[in-house]
Structures are given as structure tokens and as C-alpha cells.
Protein backbone atom coordinates (compact mmCIF):
# COMPACT_ATOMS: atom_id res chain seq x y z
CA MET A 1 0.00 0.00 0.00
CA SER A 2 1.35 3.43 -0.91
CA GLU A 3 1.82 5.74 2.08
CA GLU A 4 1.40 8.80 -0.15
CA TRP A 5 -2.02 7.79 -1.49
CA LEU A 6 -2.96 4.81 0.69
CA SER A 7 -3.40 3.05 -2.64
CA ASN A 8 -3.23 -0.71 -3.01
CA ALA A 9 -1.52 -2.68 -5.75
CA TYR A 10 -2.33 -6.39 -5.73
CA LEU A 11 -0.45 -9.49 -6.81
CA VAL A 12 -2.75 -12.48 -7.33
CA ALA A 13 -1.25 -15.88 -8.12
CA ASP A 14 -2.43 -19.47 -8.44
CA GLU A 15 0.51 -21.22 -6.75
CA PRO A 16 4.28 -20.94 -6.22
CA GLY A 17 6.02 -21.47 -9.52
CA GLY A 18 2.78 -20.69 -11.31
CA HIS A 19 1.11 -17.70 -12.88
CA GLY A 20 -0.12 -14.40 -11.52
CA VAL A 21 -1.50 -11.00 -12.43
CA VAL A 22 -1.01 -7.54 -10.98
CA ILE A 23 -4.12 -5.44 -10.31
CA ASP A 24 -3.47 -1.67 -10.28
CA SER A 25 -0.02 -0.18 -9.78
CA GLY A 26 -0.50 2.78 -7.44
CA GLY A 27 0.96 0.94 -4.48
CA PRO A 28 4.74 0.52 -4.18
CA SER A 29 6.07 -2.08 -6.59
CA GLY A 30 8.98 -3.25 -4.43
CA PRO A 31 7.13 -5.75 -2.21
CA LEU A 32 5.26 -7.18 -5.20
CA LEU A 33 8.43 -7.60 -7.22
CA GLU A 34 10.03 -9.41 -4.29
CA ALA A 35 7.03 -11.73 -3.95
CA ILE A 36 7.05 -12.46 -7.68
CA GLU A 37 10.73 -13.43 -7.52
CA GLU A 38 10.44 -15.42 -4.29
CA ASN A 39 7.51 -17.43 -5.65
CA ASP A 40 8.98 -17.82 -9.14
CA LEU A 41 5.82 -16.46 -10.77
CA THR A 42 5.13 -15.79 -14.42
CA ILE A 43 3.49 -12.34 -14.74
CA GLU A 44 2.11 -11.37 -18.12
CA HIS A 45 -0.81 -9.03 -17.30
CA LEU A 46 -1.50 -5.81 -15.43
CA LEU A 47 -5.21 -5.14 -14.90
CA LEU A 48 -6.35 -1.57 -14.23
CA THR A 49 -9.55 -0.75 -12.38
CA HIS A 50 -9.51 2.85 -13.65
CA HIS A 51 -7.28 5.61 -14.96
CA HIS A 52 -6.57 7.79 -11.91
CA HIS A 53 -2.89 8.42 -11.25
CA ASP A 54 -2.89 6.84 -7.80
CA HIS A 55 -3.84 3.52 -9.45
CA VAL A 56 -1.54 3.57 -12.49
CA ALA A 57 1.58 5.37 -11.23
CA GLU A 58 3.92 2.38 -11.59
CA ASN A 59 2.57 0.81 -14.77
CA HIS A 60 5.98 1.34 -16.33
CA VAL A 61 7.70 -0.80 -13.68
CA TYR A 62 5.79 -3.94 -14.66
CA LYS A 63 6.00 -3.14 -18.35
CA GLU A 64 9.77 -2.72 -18.22
CA ARG A 65 10.38 -5.70 -15.91
CA PHE A 66 7.98 -8.27 -17.36
CA GLY A 67 6.64 -6.83 -20.61
CA VAL A 68 3.11 -7.15 -19.24
CA GLU A 69 0.03 -6.61 -21.32
CA ILE A 70 -1.92 -3.75 -19.72
CA LEU A 71 -5.72 -4.12 -19.75
CA ALA A 72 -8.48 -1.61 -18.92
CA HIS A 73 -12.04 -0.72 -19.90
CA PRO A 74 -12.19 1.14 -23.24
CA LEU A 75 -13.38 4.36 -21.53
CA GLU A 76 -10.39 4.25 -19.18
CA ALA A 77 -7.99 3.28 -21.96
CA GLU A 78 -8.92 6.52 -23.76
CA ARG A 79 -7.42 8.45 -20.84
CA LEU A 80 -4.17 6.47 -20.68
CA MET A 81 -1.23 6.18 -23.06
CA ASP A 82 -0.04 2.70 -22.16
CA VAL A 83 -3.07 0.38 -22.28
CA ASP A 84 -2.33 -2.49 -24.65
CA ARG A 85 -5.79 -4.02 -24.83
CA PRO A 86 -9.17 -2.52 -23.94
CA VAL A 87 -11.50 -5.14 -22.42
CA GLU A 88 -15.24 -5.16 -22.02
CA PRO A 89 -16.74 -6.42 -18.75
CA GLY A 90 -17.85 -10.02 -18.68
CA GLU A 91 -17.77 -13.28 -16.74
CA SER A 92 -14.51 -14.27 -18.39
CA ILE A 93 -11.95 -11.80 -19.69
CA LEU A 94 -8.78 -13.69 -18.86
CA SER A 95 -7.59 -17.20 -18.01
CA VAL A 96 -4.09 -17.38 -16.52
CA GLY A 97 -2.85 -20.66 -15.07
CA GLY A 98 -5.32 -21.54 -12.33
CA LEU A 99 -6.86 -18.05 -12.29
CA ARG A 100 -10.19 -17.36 -13.97
CA ILE A 101 -10.78 -13.63 -14.09
CA GLY A 102 -13.96 -11.78 -14.91
CA ALA A 103 -14.85 -8.10 -14.77
CA LEU A 104 -17.84 -6.18 -13.44
CA HIS A 105 -18.62 -2.72 -14.80
CA THR A 106 -19.19 -0.40 -11.82
CA PRO A 107 -19.44 3.20 -13.09
CA GLY A 108 -19.77 6.12 -10.74
CA HIS A 109 -16.31 7.09 -9.53
CA THR A 110 -15.27 6.83 -13.19
CA ALA A 111 -17.23 5.90 -16.31
CA GLY A 112 -15.24 2.76 -17.11
CA MET A 113 -14.47 1.44 -13.64
CA LEU A 114 -13.90 -2.31 -13.67
CA ASN A 115 -14.01 -4.57 -10.62
CA PHE A 116 -12.06 -7.76 -11.24
CA VAL A 117 -13.49 -11.08 -10.03
CA VAL A 118 -10.90 -13.81 -9.42
CA ASN A 119 -12.08 -17.42 -9.27
CA GLY A 120 -15.52 -16.23 -8.19
CA LYS A 121 -14.41 -15.55 -4.60
CA ASP A 122 -12.36 -12.36 -4.58
CA VAL A 123 -13.36 -9.01 -6.07
CA PHE A 124 -11.00 -6.07 -6.49
CA THR A 125 -13.23 -3.03 -6.21
CA GLY A 126 -10.99 -0.11 -7.17
CA ASP A 127 -12.59 3.10 -5.93
CA THR A 128 -16.18 1.89 -6.08
CA LEU A 129 -16.49 0.52 -2.54
CA PHE A 130 -14.19 0.69 0.47
CA LYS A 131 -14.35 -0.89 3.90
CA GLY A 132 -16.99 1.26 5.61
CA SER A 133 -17.16 3.84 2.84
CA VAL A 134 -17.79 4.43 -0.87
CA GLY A 135 -16.15 6.20 -3.79
CA GLY A 136 -16.79 9.83 -4.58
CA VAL A 137 -18.46 11.06 -7.74
CA LYS A 138 -16.68 14.37 -8.30
CA ALA A 139 -13.29 13.06 -9.47
CA PRO A 140 -12.11 13.37 -13.11
CA GLY A 141 -14.09 11.04 -15.34
CA SER A 142 -16.85 10.43 -12.79
CA THR A 143 -20.45 9.88 -13.83
CA SER A 144 -23.18 10.20 -11.20
CA PHE A 145 -24.43 9.38 -7.73
CA GLY A 146 -27.09 7.16 -9.28
CA ASP A 147 -24.46 5.14 -11.12
CA LEU A 148 -22.37 4.65 -7.99
CA LYS A 149 -25.38 3.61 -5.92
CA SER A 150 -26.43 1.08 -8.57
CA SER A 151 -22.88 -0.26 -8.89
CA ILE A 152 -22.75 -0.91 -5.16
CA MET A 153 -26.30 -1.99 -4.38
CA ASP A 154 -27.24 -3.80 -7.60
CA VAL A 155 -23.85 -5.25 -8.53
CA LEU A 156 -21.51 -5.67 -5.55
CA MET A 157 -24.12 -6.20 -2.84
CA GLY A 158 -25.73 -8.81 -5.09
CA LEU A 159 -22.67 -11.04 -4.83
CA PRO A 160 -22.56 -13.94 -2.34
CA GLU A 161 -22.16 -12.74 1.26
CA ALA A 162 -18.81 -14.49 1.71
CA THR A 163 -17.24 -12.75 -1.30
CA ARG A 164 -14.01 -11.07 -0.25
CA LEU A 165 -13.69 -7.45 -1.38
CA HIS A 166 -10.28 -5.86 -1.94
CA PRO A 167 -10.58 -2.08 -2.30
CA GLY A 168 -8.23 0.25 -4.10
CA HIS A 169 -7.41 1.86 -0.77
CA THR A 170 -6.70 0.33 2.64
CA ASP A 171 -8.32 -2.71 4.21
CA PRO A 172 -10.16 -5.73 2.76
CA THR A 173 -13.74 -6.54 3.70
CA THR A 174 -16.62 -8.79 2.64
CA VAL A 175 -20.02 -8.33 1.08
CA ALA A 176 -21.66 -9.43 4.34
CA GLU A 177 -19.69 -6.90 6.39
CA GLU A 178 -20.52 -3.98 4.10
CA TRP A 179 -24.17 -5.01 3.88
CA GLU A 180 -24.50 -4.75 7.66
CA GLN A 181 -22.01 -2.06 8.63
CA ASN A 182 -21.39 0.36 5.76
CA ALA A 183 -23.28 3.57 6.64
CA PHE A 184 -24.08 4.40 3.02
CA VAL A 185 -25.40 0.91 2.31
CA ARG A 186 -27.53 0.99 5.47
CA VAL A 187 -29.26 4.19 4.39
CA TRP A 188 -29.76 2.86 0.86
CA ARG A 189 -31.33 -0.25 2.40
CA GLY A 190 -33.67 1.90 4.47
CA ILE A 191 -32.22 0.58 7.74
CA ASP A 192 -31.01 4.02 8.85
CA LYS A 193 -32.68 7.34 8.11
CA GLU A 194 -31.35 10.11 5.91
CA GLY A 195 -30.03 13.17 7.71
CA SER A 196 -31.60 16.61 7.30
CA GLY A 197 -28.86 18.92 8.58
CA ARG A 198 -27.55 21.88 6.63
CA CYS A 199 -24.12 22.26 5.06
CA THR A 200 -22.18 24.27 2.52
CA VAL A 201 -19.90 22.75 -0.10
CA ARG A 202 -17.72 25.26 -1.92
CA GLU A 203 -20.28 28.00 -1.22
CA GLN A 204 -23.20 25.89 -2.45
CA GLY A 205 -26.00 25.14 -0.02
CA ALA A 206 -27.03 21.53 0.51
CA THR A 207 -28.68 19.07 2.83
CA LEU A 208 -26.24 16.76 4.59
CA VAL A 209 -27.87 13.39 4.02
CA LEU A 210 -25.00 11.40 5.55
CA TRP A 211 -21.71 12.26 7.24
CA GLY A 212 -19.78 9.04 6.79
CA ASP A 213 -16.31 7.70 7.46
CA ASP A 214 -13.71 7.45 4.73
CA TYR A 215 -10.86 5.02 4.23
CA ASP A 216 -8.15 7.56 5.18
CA GLY A 217 -9.55 8.38 8.62
CA GLY A 218 -11.41 11.41 7.26
CA HIS A 219 -14.99 11.64 6.07
CA LYS A 220 -17.17 11.37 3.00
CA ALA A 221 -20.40 13.33 2.73
CA TRP A 222 -23.58 12.45 0.88
CA VAL A 223 -25.18 15.79 0.05
CA ARG A 224 -28.34 16.93 -1.72
CA TRP A 225 -27.93 20.21 -3.52
CA ASP A 226 -30.46 22.96 -2.82
CA GLU A 227 -30.45 24.29 -6.36
CA SER A 228 -30.85 21.08 -8.34
CA GLY A 229 -32.14 18.60 -5.77
CA GLU A 230 -29.53 16.12 -7.04
CA ASP A 231 -27.36 13.97 -4.80
CA ASP A 232 -23.56 13.78 -4.72
CA ILE A 233 -20.84 12.19 -2.64
CA VAL A 234 -18.03 14.60 -1.88
CA PRO A 235 -14.93 14.65 0.34
CA GLY A 236 -15.67 15.67 3.90
CA SER A 237 -12.85 18.23 3.67
CA GLN A 238 -15.02 20.28 1.30
CA VAL A 239 -17.99 20.40 3.64
CA GLU A 240 -18.76 23.20 6.11
CA ARG A 241 -21.24 22.19 8.79
CA PRO A 242 -22.71 24.98 10.94
CA ASP A 243 -23.49 22.55 13.76
CA ALA A 244 -20.02 20.92 13.80
């Protein structure tokens, strides 16, 4: 995990002496390179969840070291110079040794966000869903609050409860844990009520629907704009709360 961004880069392998893939490259490459060497792994692919710099910063390391083929959704590939093959989401996009890898399209944080499913048990969620939090929808290439909600509630929360989730930042979790404990999911389920407090975000008035935790120890805010009535999820650092 990168200390600068708290970003994760993942190495997933079938067995020592076998095959593996790297998922995102924003985390430091050193520990992954050591693990690849120690386990005598063949690495031919780098899978990107999305185009943001804190997830692609060390693409060149794996390209130069292993000559990997870099894969991403076509909409993300348009924003990057080094994607070798755009891939559409589907149950099977790659078969590597004992790894069977599929991809779920989860727009919201970005238009072409892919969540990679490995052997039907582990899902790498990028910046769609974090342990106890969710992705924002104001970053470059983002789409909408509605897209993010659907990606989480209709796609990820529809997976088996025991599915392990590996976010693009900080700690792993499971579908069951987020279903019960994630504050955003609980409100979407109707378990907890929406808030009605007032706030200001960059001089725009809004209702503070939810003041939630974020992966970095800060907060994420679900707001409803006064002017448009639309919902957004924004960094807590941008929110001024008169009652705080």
C-alpha cells in the first residue's frame, strides 16, 4: 500500500512457480516484485480498475520488468497512453494458469471502472467501494451518484455474502460486512434514516444526508444540492457544517 495515497496494488497468483497478475499499480512495486521473484511467478498481465494516477503510477515498472500486457475498460484506456488491450466487462476476460478472471462494470467514480473477479471468490473493487465507505463522484471522469449507488447496491451487494472485497485503498472486507455495517449501504437499504442537517460545499448550499467515514480516517459526505435537488458524494474536507 502506498503511504502517499494509501493506494493498493495487488499481486494475485495461483501457486508458487505458477502464474499471476497484478491489479493496479499505485501501491509501491517493491514488495510485489520481491514476492514475484520469491515465488517464481510468471506475470504477463496488469489489470487496471480505472485511470486515476494513484492507481496507475507504476505501470511502467511492470511493463519494463515483465513486458506485461496492460488491460483496462475502453473508456479508461482513452485516458491512458499505455493500455495495450481494452477489455469489455464479462464473466470471463482472462484465463491465466489456475486463475479465472472476470470483470464487473461499476461506473460512478469513473465511467469505465472495472471490478475484477478472481475465481468467483475475490473481487477487487478499485474506488467503487471501500471498507466502511464508498467512492466519490466528483473526481475526473466520474459519472453520477445514481451510477455509484447502482454499482454498489445492484452489482456488488448482489454477490454472495462471503465474497471477499479488496478495495483500491486500505483494508479488505466482505459483502456481508458492508451489507450490515457500511453507513451508506444501510441508508440505501432503508435501515437508517437520511439526515436533514444543513451544510455548505464550496459556497453551495445543501442538505447533509450522511456524514460518513472514509478510508483515510477522514470523512465522506452524501449531500443533496439545494439548487438542483440532485445527490452527490463529496470529500468531507469540502464540507462546512454549521453545527459541527
